[in-house]
Amino acid sequence: MTTSYRRHAGDPAGTFVHDAVEAVRARGVRVTVVSPADVRHYGIAYGAGIPQDLGRAPWKAAFVPLFLASSARAARRAARDADLVHAHWLPSGLAALSTGKPYVVQIHGTDAEQTGLLVPPSDPAALRAALERLLGDGELRRRLGEAGRRLAEERLGLDAAADALVAAYADALRVSI
């Protein structure tokens, strides 16, 4: 389940998810992808991304429940013979919930404890303090930036992600892939 996926060769939409799927398939795992290309998305799934598209056309927010319902129907069809559902991003997690299958929701982001400053939501004072701290401390910016680069190279590369995903699925299913 994903809210963005390539519709054709050369399409830039959802490239990171497409590449991850292909890397997992190359390791012998059968993967069925459900994306907005498979459902009616009411003009909110492709473009700059759902949050950005809704920001530019707030009236389209009325279609979000219909988009989620369409995604849930497609997810249930695709998951009939699946062992589990892997969802990218929270809206896909809502569709995965409707399948009656075990699921994992992957939220893309950074390891804030090593590579950045963690700021609580809805706390403008904490955000300002974090920004001022980073802007005022070149050494901290350098250290966090280097740590982020190392983390990405070590743990988030395509091969590492595909290997970890296949290992997690194999462990969950208790079979050797």
N, C-alpha and C. Protein backbone atom coordinates (compact mmCIF):
# COMPACT_ATOMS: atom_id res chain seq x y z
N MET A 1 0.85 -1.17 0.00
CA MET A 1 0.00 0.00 0.00
C MET A 1 0.89 1.23 0.00
N THR A 2 0.61 2.12 -0.93
CA THR A 2 1.34 3.37 -0.96
C THR A 2 0.44 4.45 -1.56
N THR A 3 0.69 5.69 -1.20
CA THR A 3 -0.09 6.79 -1.75
C THR A 3 0.59 7.39 -2.98
N SER A 4 1.74 6.86 -3.36
CA SER A 4 2.44 7.35 -4.54
C SER A 4 3.29 6.22 -5.11
N TYR A 5 3.11 5.96 -6.41
CA TYR A 5 3.86 4.88 -7.05
C TYR A 5 3.92 5.16 -8.54
N ARG A 6 4.98 4.69 -9.16
CA ARG A 6 5.15 4.94 -10.60
C ARG A 6 3.98 4.37 -11.40
N ARG A 7 3.45 5.19 -12.30
CA ARG A 7 2.37 4.75 -13.18
C ARG A 7 2.91 4.17 -14.48
N HIS A 8 4.14 4.54 -14.82
CA HIS A 8 4.76 4.07 -16.05
C HIS A 8 6.26 4.30 -15.93
N ALA A 9 7.03 3.66 -16.80
CA ALA A 9 8.49 3.85 -16.79
C ALA A 9 8.80 5.33 -16.96
N GLY A 10 9.70 5.82 -16.14
CA GLY A 10 10.08 7.22 -16.21
C GLY A 10 9.25 8.15 -15.35
N ASP A 11 8.16 7.66 -14.79
CA ASP A 11 7.32 8.49 -13.91
C ASP A 11 8.08 8.72 -12.60
N PRO A 12 8.25 9.97 -12.19
CA PRO A 12 9.00 10.23 -10.95
C PRO A 12 8.22 9.94 -9.68
N ALA A 13 6.90 9.74 -9.78
CA ALA A 13 6.08 9.54 -8.58
C ALA A 13 6.48 8.24 -7.88
N GLY A 14 6.68 8.32 -6.58
CA GLY A 14 6.91 7.13 -5.76
C GLY A 14 8.12 6.31 -6.15
N THR A 15 9.13 6.93 -6.70
CA THR A 15 10.31 6.19 -7.16
C THR A 15 10.96 5.42 -6.03
N PHE A 16 11.04 6.00 -4.84
CA PHE A 16 11.70 5.31 -3.73
C PHE A 16 10.94 4.05 -3.34
N VAL A 17 9.62 4.06 -3.40
CA VAL A 17 8.85 2.87 -3.08
C VAL A 17 9.01 1.84 -4.21
N HIS A 18 8.96 2.28 -5.46
CA HIS A 18 9.14 1.39 -6.60
C HIS A 18 10.49 0.68 -6.53
N ASP A 19 11.54 1.43 -6.26
CA ASP A 19 12.88 0.84 -6.19
C ASP A 19 12.98 -0.18 -5.06
N ALA A 20 12.36 0.14 -3.92
CA ALA A 20 12.38 -0.80 -2.80
C ALA A 20 11.61 -2.08 -3.14
N VAL A 21 10.46 -1.93 -3.81
CA VAL A 21 9.67 -3.10 -4.21
C VAL A 21 10.48 -3.98 -5.16
N GLU A 22 11.13 -3.37 -6.13
CA GLU A 22 11.91 -4.15 -7.10
C GLU A 22 13.09 -4.85 -6.43
N ALA A 23 13.71 -4.21 -5.45
CA ALA A 23 14.82 -4.85 -4.74
C ALA A 23 14.33 -6.05 -3.93
N VAL A 24 13.15 -5.95 -3.34
CA VAL A 24 12.59 -7.07 -2.59
C VAL A 24 12.16 -8.19 -3.54
N ARG A 25 11.55 -7.83 -4.65
CA ARG A 25 11.17 -8.84 -5.65
C ARG A 25 12.40 -9.59 -6.15
N ALA A 26 13.50 -8.87 -6.33
CA ALA A 26 14.74 -9.50 -6.81
C ALA A 26 15.25 -10.54 -5.83
N ARG A 27 14.80 -10.48 -4.58
CA ARG A 27 15.20 -11.44 -3.57
C ARG A 27 14.19 -12.59 -3.44
N GLY A 28 13.26 -12.65 -4.38
CA GLY A 28 12.33 -13.78 -4.44
C GLY A 28 11.03 -13.61 -3.69
N VAL A 29 10.70 -12.42 -3.25
CA VAL A 29 9.46 -12.19 -2.51
C VAL A 29 8.39 -11.71 -3.49
N ARG A 30 7.20 -12.33 -3.41
CA ARG A 30 6.08 -11.90 -4.26
C ARG A 30 5.46 -10.66 -3.62
N VAL A 31 5.37 -9.59 -4.40
CA VAL A 31 4.85 -8.32 -3.92
C VAL A 31 3.75 -7.84 -4.86
N THR A 32 2.61 -7.48 -4.31
CA THR A 32 1.55 -6.82 -5.06
C THR A 32 1.44 -5.41 -4.51
N VAL A 33 1.51 -4.43 -5.39
CA VAL A 33 1.46 -3.03 -4.97
C VAL A 33 0.07 -2.48 -5.22
N VAL A 34 -0.49 -1.81 -4.22
CA VAL A 34 -1.74 -1.08 -4.38
C VAL A 34 -1.38 0.39 -4.21
N SER A 35 -1.71 1.17 -5.24
CA SER A 35 -1.37 2.60 -5.23
C SER A 35 -2.54 3.38 -5.82
N PRO A 36 -2.45 4.71 -5.81
CA PRO A 36 -3.51 5.49 -6.42
C PRO A 36 -3.72 5.19 -7.91
N ALA A 37 -2.73 4.58 -8.55
CA ALA A 37 -2.92 4.18 -9.95
C ALA A 37 -3.97 3.09 -10.05
N ASP A 38 -4.25 2.39 -8.94
CA ASP A 38 -5.22 1.30 -8.92
C ASP A 38 -6.59 1.71 -8.41
N VAL A 39 -6.72 2.93 -7.95
CA VAL A 39 -7.97 3.37 -7.33
C VAL A 39 -8.35 4.75 -7.85
N ARG A 40 -9.57 5.13 -7.59
CA ARG A 40 -9.97 6.50 -7.91
C ARG A 40 -9.38 7.41 -6.85
N HIS A 41 -8.53 8.34 -7.27
CA HIS A 41 -7.85 9.19 -6.28
C HIS A 41 -8.35 10.62 -6.26
N TYR A 42 -9.30 10.96 -7.08
CA TYR A 42 -9.98 12.26 -7.02
C TYR A 42 -9.02 13.45 -7.15
N GLY A 43 -7.90 13.24 -7.80
CA GLY A 43 -6.96 14.34 -8.03
C GLY A 43 -6.15 14.77 -6.82
N ILE A 44 -6.12 13.93 -5.78
CA ILE A 44 -5.35 14.33 -4.59
C ILE A 44 -4.10 13.49 -4.37
N ALA A 45 -3.87 12.47 -5.20
CA ALA A 45 -2.75 11.57 -4.91
C ALA A 45 -1.51 11.88 -5.74
N TYR A 46 -1.66 12.30 -6.94
CA TYR A 46 -0.48 12.59 -7.75
C TYR A 46 -0.35 14.10 -7.88
N GLY A 47 0.82 14.54 -8.25
CA GLY A 47 1.12 15.96 -8.30
C GLY A 47 2.28 16.19 -7.36
N ALA A 48 2.12 17.11 -6.44
CA ALA A 48 3.18 17.41 -5.49
C ALA A 48 3.13 16.53 -4.25
N GLY A 49 2.08 15.72 -4.13
CA GLY A 49 1.87 14.90 -2.94
C GLY A 49 0.57 15.31 -2.28
N ILE A 50 -0.01 14.40 -1.51
CA ILE A 50 -1.34 14.66 -0.95
C ILE A 50 -1.37 15.94 -0.09
N PRO A 51 -0.46 16.12 0.88
CA PRO A 51 -0.56 17.35 1.69
C PRO A 51 -0.42 18.62 0.84
N GLN A 52 0.52 18.61 -0.11
CA GLN A 52 0.72 19.79 -0.94
C GLN A 52 -0.47 20.01 -1.88
N ASP A 53 -1.01 18.92 -2.46
CA ASP A 53 -2.15 19.06 -3.35
C ASP A 53 -3.37 19.59 -2.61
N LEU A 54 -3.59 19.11 -1.39
CA LEU A 54 -4.71 19.62 -0.60
C LEU A 54 -4.48 21.06 -0.17
N GLY A 55 -3.23 21.41 0.07
CA GLY A 55 -2.92 22.80 0.42
C GLY A 55 -3.24 23.76 -0.72
N ARG A 56 -3.01 23.30 -1.96
CA ARG A 56 -3.29 24.15 -3.12
C ARG A 56 -4.77 24.16 -3.48
N ALA A 57 -5.48 23.10 -3.14
CA ALA A 57 -6.92 23.01 -3.45
C ALA A 57 -7.64 22.44 -2.24
N PRO A 58 -7.81 23.24 -1.18
CA PRO A 58 -8.40 22.73 0.06
C PRO A 58 -9.77 22.10 -0.12
N TRP A 59 -10.51 22.51 -1.10
CA TRP A 59 -11.84 21.95 -1.33
C TRP A 59 -11.78 20.46 -1.65
N LYS A 60 -10.62 19.97 -2.12
CA LYS A 60 -10.48 18.55 -2.43
C LYS A 60 -10.44 17.69 -1.16
N ALA A 61 -10.29 18.30 -0.01
CA ALA A 61 -10.30 17.54 1.25
C ALA A 61 -11.62 16.78 1.41
N ALA A 62 -12.68 17.28 0.79
CA ALA A 62 -13.97 16.57 0.85
C ALA A 62 -13.89 15.19 0.21
N PHE A 63 -12.90 14.99 -0.67
CA PHE A 63 -12.75 13.70 -1.36
C PHE A 63 -11.87 12.71 -0.59
N VAL A 64 -11.22 13.14 0.47
CA VAL A 64 -10.31 12.25 1.20
C VAL A 64 -11.03 10.99 1.69
N PRO A 65 -12.21 11.08 2.30
CA PRO A 65 -12.87 9.83 2.72
C PRO A 65 -13.17 8.90 1.55
N LEU A 66 -13.54 9.45 0.40
CA LEU A 66 -13.80 8.62 -0.78
C LEU A 66 -12.52 7.96 -1.27
N PHE A 67 -11.43 8.71 -1.27
CA PHE A 67 -10.13 8.16 -1.66
C PHE A 67 -9.72 7.03 -0.71
N LEU A 68 -9.90 7.25 0.59
CA LEU A 68 -9.54 6.21 1.56
C LEU A 68 -10.42 4.97 1.40
N ALA A 69 -11.71 5.16 1.13
CA ALA A 69 -12.60 4.02 0.92
C ALA A 69 -12.21 3.26 -0.34
N SER A 70 -11.88 3.96 -1.40
CA SER A 70 -11.44 3.32 -2.63
C SER A 70 -10.15 2.55 -2.41
N SER A 71 -9.23 3.14 -1.65
CA SER A 71 -7.96 2.48 -1.32
C SER A 71 -8.20 1.24 -0.47
N ALA A 72 -9.12 1.33 0.47
CA ALA A 72 -9.42 0.18 1.34
C ALA A 72 -10.00 -0.98 0.53
N ARG A 73 -10.89 -0.68 -0.42
CA ARG A 73 -11.45 -1.75 -1.28
C ARG A 73 -10.34 -2.43 -2.07
N ALA A 74 -9.46 -1.62 -2.68
CA ALA A 74 -8.36 -2.19 -3.47
C ALA A 74 -7.41 -2.99 -2.58
N ALA A 75 -7.17 -2.51 -1.37
CA ALA A 75 -6.28 -3.22 -0.45
C ALA A 75 -6.88 -4.58 -0.06
N ARG A 76 -8.17 -4.61 0.21
CA ARG A 76 -8.81 -5.88 0.57
C ARG A 76 -8.73 -6.88 -0.57
N ARG A 77 -8.95 -6.42 -1.80
CA ARG A 77 -8.84 -7.32 -2.96
C ARG A 77 -7.41 -7.85 -3.09
N ALA A 78 -6.42 -6.96 -3.01
CA ALA A 78 -5.03 -7.35 -3.21
C ALA A 78 -4.52 -8.24 -2.08
N ALA A 79 -5.07 -8.09 -0.89
CA ALA A 79 -4.55 -8.80 0.28
C ALA A 79 -5.22 -10.15 0.53
N ARG A 80 -6.14 -10.55 -0.32
CA ARG A 80 -6.86 -11.81 -0.08
C ARG A 80 -5.93 -12.98 0.20
N ASP A 81 -4.88 -13.12 -0.60
CA ASP A 81 -3.96 -14.25 -0.44
C ASP A 81 -2.63 -13.83 0.18
N ALA A 82 -2.56 -12.64 0.71
CA ALA A 82 -1.31 -12.12 1.28
C ALA A 82 -1.11 -12.63 2.70
N ASP A 83 0.16 -12.74 3.08
CA ASP A 83 0.49 -13.09 4.46
C ASP A 83 0.42 -11.86 5.35
N LEU A 84 0.76 -10.72 4.79
CA LEU A 84 0.73 -9.47 5.53
C LEU A 84 0.68 -8.31 4.56
N VAL A 85 0.41 -7.13 5.09
CA VAL A 85 0.33 -5.90 4.29
C VAL A 85 1.38 -4.94 4.82
N HIS A 86 2.12 -4.36 3.89
CA HIS A 86 3.14 -3.36 4.22
C HIS A 86 2.65 -2.03 3.66
N ALA A 87 2.40 -1.08 4.54
CA ALA A 87 1.87 0.22 4.12
C ALA A 87 2.91 1.31 4.29
N HIS A 88 3.02 2.15 3.27
CA HIS A 88 3.90 3.32 3.33
C HIS A 88 3.03 4.54 3.60
N TRP A 89 3.27 5.18 4.71
CA TRP A 89 2.63 6.43 5.13
C TRP A 89 1.30 6.13 5.81
N LEU A 90 0.86 7.01 6.66
CA LEU A 90 -0.31 6.79 7.51
C LEU A 90 -1.62 6.55 6.76
N PRO A 91 -1.96 7.31 5.70
CA PRO A 91 -3.21 7.00 4.99
C PRO A 91 -3.24 5.58 4.44
N SER A 92 -2.11 5.07 3.98
CA SER A 92 -2.05 3.69 3.52
C SER A 92 -2.26 2.73 4.68
N GLY A 93 -1.83 3.14 5.87
CA GLY A 93 -2.06 2.33 7.06
C GLY A 93 -3.55 2.18 7.36
N LEU A 94 -4.33 3.23 7.09
CA LEU A 94 -5.78 3.13 7.29
C LEU A 94 -6.38 2.11 6.34
N ALA A 95 -5.91 2.10 5.09
CA ALA A 95 -6.40 1.11 4.13
C ALA A 95 -5.95 -0.28 4.55
N ALA A 96 -4.72 -0.41 5.02
CA ALA A 96 -4.20 -1.72 5.45
C ALA A 96 -5.03 -2.27 6.61
N LEU A 97 -5.46 -1.40 7.48
CA LEU A 97 -6.27 -1.80 8.62
C LEU A 97 -7.53 -2.52 8.18
N SER A 98 -8.08 -2.13 7.04
CA SER A 98 -9.34 -2.71 6.57
C SER A 98 -9.19 -4.10 5.97
N THR A 99 -7.96 -4.58 5.78
CA THR A 99 -7.75 -5.86 5.09
C THR A 99 -7.99 -7.07 5.97
N GLY A 100 -7.95 -6.90 7.27
CA GLY A 100 -8.06 -8.04 8.17
C GLY A 100 -6.79 -8.86 8.23
N LYS A 101 -5.72 -8.33 7.68
CA LYS A 101 -4.41 -9.01 7.69
C LYS A 101 -3.49 -8.27 8.64
N PRO A 102 -2.46 -8.97 9.14
CA PRO A 102 -1.46 -8.23 9.92
C PRO A 102 -0.77 -7.22 9.01
N TYR A 103 -0.40 -6.08 9.55
CA TYR A 103 0.21 -5.05 8.71
C TYR A 103 1.29 -4.30 9.45
N VAL A 104 2.14 -3.70 8.64
CA VAL A 104 3.21 -2.82 9.12
C VAL A 104 3.01 -1.49 8.44
N VAL A 105 3.09 -0.40 9.18
CA VAL A 105 3.03 0.94 8.60
C VAL A 105 4.41 1.54 8.71
N GLN A 106 4.97 1.92 7.59
CA GLN A 106 6.30 2.52 7.56
C GLN A 106 6.15 4.02 7.40
N ILE A 107 6.70 4.75 8.35
CA ILE A 107 6.67 6.20 8.30
C ILE A 107 8.09 6.64 8.00
N HIS A 108 8.26 7.30 6.88
CA HIS A 108 9.60 7.69 6.45
C HIS A 108 10.03 8.94 7.20
N GLY A 109 11.27 8.96 7.63
CA GLY A 109 11.79 10.10 8.36
C GLY A 109 13.22 9.87 8.74
N THR A 110 13.64 10.51 9.79
CA THR A 110 15.03 10.44 10.21
C THR A 110 15.14 9.96 11.64
N ASP A 111 16.29 9.50 12.00
CA ASP A 111 16.56 9.11 13.37
C ASP A 111 16.95 10.38 14.13
N ALA A 112 15.95 11.06 14.69
CA ALA A 112 16.16 12.39 15.25
C ALA A 112 17.15 12.41 16.41
N GLU A 113 17.28 11.30 17.14
CA GLU A 113 18.19 11.31 18.28
C GLU A 113 19.65 11.44 17.86
N GLN A 114 19.98 11.02 16.65
CA GLN A 114 21.36 11.07 16.19
C GLN A 114 21.61 12.14 15.15
N THR A 115 20.58 12.54 14.43
CA THR A 115 20.81 13.38 13.25
C THR A 115 20.10 14.72 13.28
N GLY A 116 19.39 15.01 14.33
CA GLY A 116 18.67 16.28 14.37
C GLY A 116 18.17 16.56 15.77
N LEU A 117 17.42 17.62 15.88
CA LEU A 117 16.84 18.00 17.16
C LEU A 117 15.35 17.66 17.13
N LEU A 118 14.87 17.02 18.16
CA LEU A 118 13.48 16.62 18.25
C LEU A 118 12.68 17.76 18.88
N VAL A 119 11.59 18.14 18.20
CA VAL A 119 10.74 19.23 18.68
C VAL A 119 9.32 18.68 18.83
N PRO A 120 8.69 18.90 19.96
CA PRO A 120 7.31 18.41 20.13
C PRO A 120 6.36 19.13 19.18
N PRO A 121 5.29 18.44 18.75
CA PRO A 121 4.33 19.09 17.87
C PRO A 121 3.62 20.24 18.59
N SER A 122 3.21 21.21 17.83
CA SER A 122 2.43 22.34 18.34
C SER A 122 3.14 23.10 19.44
N ASP A 123 4.44 23.24 19.32
CA ASP A 123 5.22 23.97 20.33
C ASP A 123 6.15 24.96 19.61
N PRO A 124 5.61 26.12 19.21
CA PRO A 124 6.41 27.09 18.47
C PRO A 124 7.65 27.56 19.23
N ALA A 125 7.57 27.65 20.54
CA ALA A 125 8.73 28.10 21.32
C ALA A 125 9.86 27.07 21.23
N ALA A 126 9.52 25.78 21.30
CA ALA A 126 10.54 24.74 21.17
C ALA A 126 11.13 24.72 19.77
N LEU A 127 10.29 24.95 18.76
CA LEU A 127 10.79 25.01 17.38
C LEU A 127 11.76 26.18 17.23
N ARG A 128 11.38 27.33 17.75
CA ARG A 128 12.27 28.49 17.65
C ARG A 128 13.59 28.22 18.37
N ALA A 129 13.52 27.62 19.55
CA ALA A 129 14.75 27.33 20.31
C ALA A 129 15.65 26.36 19.54
N ALA A 130 15.05 25.35 18.92
CA ALA A 130 15.85 24.38 18.15
C ALA A 130 16.49 25.05 16.94
N LEU A 131 15.73 25.88 16.24
CA LEU A 131 16.28 26.58 15.08
C LEU A 131 17.41 27.52 15.49
N GLU A 132 17.20 28.26 16.55
CA GLU A 132 18.24 29.18 17.02
C GLU A 132 19.49 28.42 17.46
N ARG A 133 19.30 27.27 18.10
CA ARG A 133 20.44 26.46 18.53
C ARG A 133 21.24 25.99 17.32
N LEU A 134 20.54 25.48 16.30
CA LEU A 134 21.25 25.02 15.10
C LEU A 134 21.92 26.17 14.37
N LEU A 135 21.21 27.27 14.22
CA LEU A 135 21.79 28.41 13.50
C LEU A 135 22.99 29.00 14.23
N GLY A 136 23.00 28.89 15.55
CA GLY A 136 24.08 29.46 16.34
C GLY A 136 25.25 28.53 16.61
N ASP A 137 25.18 27.29 16.17
CA ASP A 137 26.23 26.32 16.50
C ASP A 137 26.65 25.54 15.25
N GLY A 138 27.66 26.07 14.58
CA GLY A 138 28.17 25.44 13.36
C GLY A 138 28.69 24.03 13.60
N GLU A 139 29.34 23.79 14.73
CA GLU A 139 29.86 22.46 15.03
C GLU A 139 28.72 21.45 15.19
N LEU A 140 27.64 21.85 15.84
CA LEU A 140 26.48 20.97 16.00
C LEU A 140 25.87 20.64 14.64
N ARG A 141 25.74 21.67 13.78
CA ARG A 141 25.20 21.43 12.44
C ARG A 141 26.08 20.43 11.68
N ARG A 142 27.40 20.61 11.76
CA ARG A 142 28.32 19.72 11.07
C ARG A 142 28.20 18.29 11.60
N ARG A 143 28.20 18.15 12.93
CA ARG A 143 28.13 16.84 13.55
C ARG A 143 26.83 16.11 13.21
N LEU A 144 25.70 16.81 13.33
CA LEU A 144 24.42 16.19 13.02
C LEU A 144 24.31 15.84 11.53
N GLY A 145 24.82 16.72 10.68
CA GLY A 145 24.79 16.45 9.25
C GLY A 145 25.62 15.23 8.88
N GLU A 146 26.82 15.12 9.43
CA GLU A 146 27.66 13.95 9.17
C GLU A 146 27.03 12.67 9.72
N ALA A 147 26.43 12.77 10.90
CA ALA A 147 25.77 11.59 11.47
C ALA A 147 24.60 11.15 10.59
N GLY A 148 23.88 12.09 10.05
CA GLY A 148 22.77 11.76 9.16
C GLY A 148 23.26 11.08 7.89
N ARG A 149 24.33 11.59 7.33
CA ARG A 149 24.90 10.98 6.12
C ARG A 149 25.36 9.55 6.41
N ARG A 150 26.06 9.36 7.53
CA ARG A 150 26.51 8.00 7.89
C ARG A 150 25.33 7.06 8.09
N LEU A 151 24.32 7.54 8.80
CA LEU A 151 23.14 6.72 9.05
C LEU A 151 22.47 6.33 7.73
N ALA A 152 22.34 7.28 6.84
CA ALA A 152 21.72 6.97 5.55
C ALA A 152 22.54 5.95 4.78
N GLU A 153 23.84 6.10 4.77
CA GLU A 153 24.69 5.18 4.03
C GLU A 153 24.66 3.78 4.65
N GLU A 154 24.69 3.70 5.98
CA GLU A 154 24.77 2.41 6.67
C GLU A 154 23.43 1.69 6.74
N ARG A 155 22.37 2.41 7.03
CA ARG A 155 21.11 1.74 7.36
C ARG A 155 19.98 1.97 6.37
N LEU A 156 20.07 2.99 5.55
CA LEU A 156 18.92 3.33 4.72
C LEU A 156 19.16 3.15 3.23
N GLY A 157 20.31 2.60 2.86
CA GLY A 157 20.56 2.34 1.45
C GLY A 157 19.58 1.30 0.94
N LEU A 158 19.39 1.26 -0.37
CA LEU A 158 18.41 0.36 -0.96
C LEU A 158 18.70 -1.09 -0.62
N ASP A 159 19.95 -1.54 -0.72
CA ASP A 159 20.26 -2.92 -0.41
C ASP A 159 20.02 -3.24 1.05
N ALA A 160 20.43 -2.35 1.95
CA ALA A 160 20.22 -2.58 3.37
C ALA A 160 18.73 -2.63 3.71
N ALA A 161 17.95 -1.73 3.11
CA ALA A 161 16.51 -1.71 3.37
C ALA A 161 15.84 -2.98 2.84
N ALA A 162 16.21 -3.40 1.63
CA ALA A 162 15.61 -4.60 1.06
C ALA A 162 15.99 -5.84 1.87
N ASP A 163 17.26 -5.95 2.27
CA ASP A 163 17.68 -7.09 3.08
C ASP A 163 16.94 -7.12 4.41
N ALA A 164 16.80 -5.96 5.05
CA ALA A 164 16.11 -5.91 6.34
C ALA A 164 14.63 -6.25 6.20
N LEU A 165 14.01 -5.78 5.12
CA LEU A 165 12.61 -6.06 4.90
C LEU A 165 12.38 -7.56 4.67
N VAL A 166 13.19 -8.16 3.83
CA VAL A 166 13.06 -9.59 3.56
C VAL A 166 13.32 -10.39 4.83
N ALA A 167 14.33 -10.00 5.60
CA ALA A 167 14.62 -10.70 6.85
C ALA A 167 13.46 -10.57 7.83
N ALA A 168 12.88 -9.41 7.92
CA ALA A 168 11.75 -9.21 8.84
C ALA A 168 10.55 -10.06 8.41
N TYR A 169 10.27 -10.07 7.11
CA TYR A 169 9.15 -10.88 6.63
C TYR A 169 9.45 -12.36 6.88
N ALA A 170 10.65 -12.81 6.58
CA ALA A 170 11.00 -14.22 6.79
C ALA A 170 10.88 -14.59 8.26
N ASP A 171 11.35 -13.71 9.13
CA ASP A 171 11.23 -13.98 10.57
C ASP A 171 9.76 -14.01 11.00
N ALA A 172 8.98 -13.07 10.47
CA ALA A 172 7.56 -13.02 10.84
C ALA A 172 6.83 -14.27 10.35
N LEU A 173 7.20 -14.74 9.20
CA LEU A 173 6.53 -15.90 8.63
C LEU A 173 7.18 -17.21 9.07
N ARG A 174 8.36 -17.09 9.70
CA ARG A 174 9.12 -18.22 10.17
C ARG A 174 9.40 -19.23 9.06
N VAL A 175 9.77 -18.65 7.90
CA VAL A 175 10.19 -19.48 6.77
C VAL A 175 11.49 -18.91 6.23
N SER A 176 12.19 -19.69 5.47
CA SER A 176 13.42 -19.23 4.85
C SER A 176 13.12 -18.80 3.43
N ILE A 177 13.46 -17.56 3.13
CA ILE A 177 13.22 -17.02 1.78
C ILE A 177 14.52 -17.07 1.02
